[in-house]
């Protein structure tokens, strides 16, 4: 199963993908907040996509073979979004 069809792997990929990291101390607060907001947008989009895909599968009567994994991926993505929100709030003081 590809990452595209595996919500758990795709969700984890959203957290780790991209080259948006910089050596410590090289980002000012505004830049850091911008990067965190972009990451949050991608995670929110992924959360919406997986939720929609899950609902379509259930509505069509298709068995959702990895329901526990999907639930876990959704909860982890939601937790990551909440962490990003708290981090942005702390950075903005």
Protein backbone atom coordinates (compact mmCIF):
# COMPACT_ATOMS: atom_id res chain seq x y z
CA UNK A 1 0.00 0.00 0.00
CA UNK A 2 1.41 3.38 -0.94
CA UNK A 3 1.65 6.28 1.50
CA UNK A 4 -1.13 7.93 -0.45
CA UNK A 5 -3.52 5.13 0.55
CA UNK A 6 -2.07 4.49 3.99
CA UNK A 7 -3.33 7.25 6.30
CA UNK A 8 -0.97 6.32 9.12
CA UNK A 9 2.15 6.58 6.96
CA UNK A 10 0.85 9.63 5.12
CA UNK A 11 0.07 11.39 8.40
CA UNK A 12 3.53 10.63 9.73
CA UNK A 13 4.98 11.88 6.45
CA UNK A 14 3.20 15.20 6.93
CA UNK A 15 5.03 15.62 10.22
CA UNK A 16 8.46 14.77 8.89
CA UNK A 17 8.40 15.79 5.22
CA UNK A 18 9.95 18.88 3.78
CA UNK A 19 13.13 20.81 4.21
CA UNK A 20 11.68 23.47 6.44
CA UNK A 21 14.24 23.06 9.13
CA UNK A 22 17.09 25.43 9.75
CA UNK A 23 19.97 25.29 12.19
CA UNK A 24 18.96 26.46 15.64
CA UNK A 25 18.98 30.22 16.06
CA UNK A 26 18.77 31.07 12.37
CA UNK A 27 15.04 31.76 12.30
CA UNK A 28 13.50 34.78 13.90
CA UNK A 29 10.14 34.44 15.64
CA UNK A 30 8.15 35.68 12.66
CA UNK A 31 9.82 33.19 10.30
CA UNK A 32 9.36 30.36 12.76
CA UNK A 33 5.66 31.17 13.15
CA UNK A 34 5.24 31.28 9.38
CA UNK A 35 6.84 27.85 8.96
CA UNK A 36 4.73 26.41 11.76
CA UNK A 37 1.55 27.86 10.23
CA UNK A 38 2.41 26.29 6.87
CA UNK A 39 2.97 22.93 8.52
CA UNK A 40 -0.32 23.34 10.37
CA UNK A 41 -2.14 24.07 7.08
CA UNK A 42 -0.76 20.89 5.52
CA UNK A 43 -1.70 18.82 8.54
CA UNK A 44 -5.20 20.30 8.61
CA UNK A 45 -5.62 19.53 4.91
CA UNK A 46 -4.43 15.96 5.46
CA UNK A 47 -6.76 15.53 8.44
CA UNK A 48 -9.68 16.73 6.32
CA UNK A 49 -8.72 14.46 3.40
CA UNK A 50 -8.38 11.34 5.55
CA UNK A 51 -11.64 12.08 7.36
CA UNK A 52 -13.45 12.55 4.04
CA UNK A 53 -11.92 9.35 2.60
CA UNK A 54 -12.91 7.44 5.72
CA UNK A 55 -16.50 8.73 5.56
CA UNK A 56 -16.80 7.86 1.84
CA UNK A 57 -15.63 4.32 2.48
CA UNK A 58 -18.08 3.86 5.34
CA UNK A 59 -20.97 5.43 3.39
CA UNK A 60 -20.38 3.20 0.38
CA UNK A 61 -20.42 0.09 2.54
CA UNK A 62 -16.83 -0.76 1.72
CA UNK A 63 -14.97 -2.33 4.59
CA UNK A 64 -12.33 -0.02 5.99
CA UNK A 65 -9.56 -2.49 6.64
CA UNK A 66 -7.39 -0.33 8.83
CA UNK A 67 -9.96 1.44 11.00
CA UNK A 68 -7.76 1.39 14.12
CA UNK A 69 -4.81 2.77 12.15
CA UNK A 70 -6.97 5.51 10.65
CA UNK A 71 -8.33 6.47 14.06
CA UNK A 72 -4.79 6.56 15.42
CA UNK A 73 -3.55 8.65 12.48
CA UNK A 74 -6.43 11.09 12.91
CA UNK A 75 -5.81 11.46 16.64
CA UNK A 76 -2.06 11.90 16.16
CA UNK A 77 -2.58 14.49 13.43
CA UNK A 78 -5.06 16.37 15.60
CA UNK A 79 -2.55 16.26 18.48
CA UNK A 80 0.19 17.60 16.19
CA UNK A 81 -2.07 20.46 15.10
CA UNK A 82 -2.82 21.30 18.74
CA UNK A 83 0.92 21.25 19.53
CA UNK A 84 1.62 23.58 16.60
CA UNK A 85 -1.10 25.95 17.81
CA UNK A 86 0.40 26.04 21.32
CA UNK A 87 3.91 26.54 19.95
CA UNK A 88 2.83 29.41 17.70
CA UNK A 89 1.00 31.02 20.65
CA UNK A 90 4.13 30.74 22.83
CA UNK A 91 6.36 32.20 20.12
CA UNK A 92 4.03 35.14 19.63
CA UNK A 93 3.98 35.74 23.36
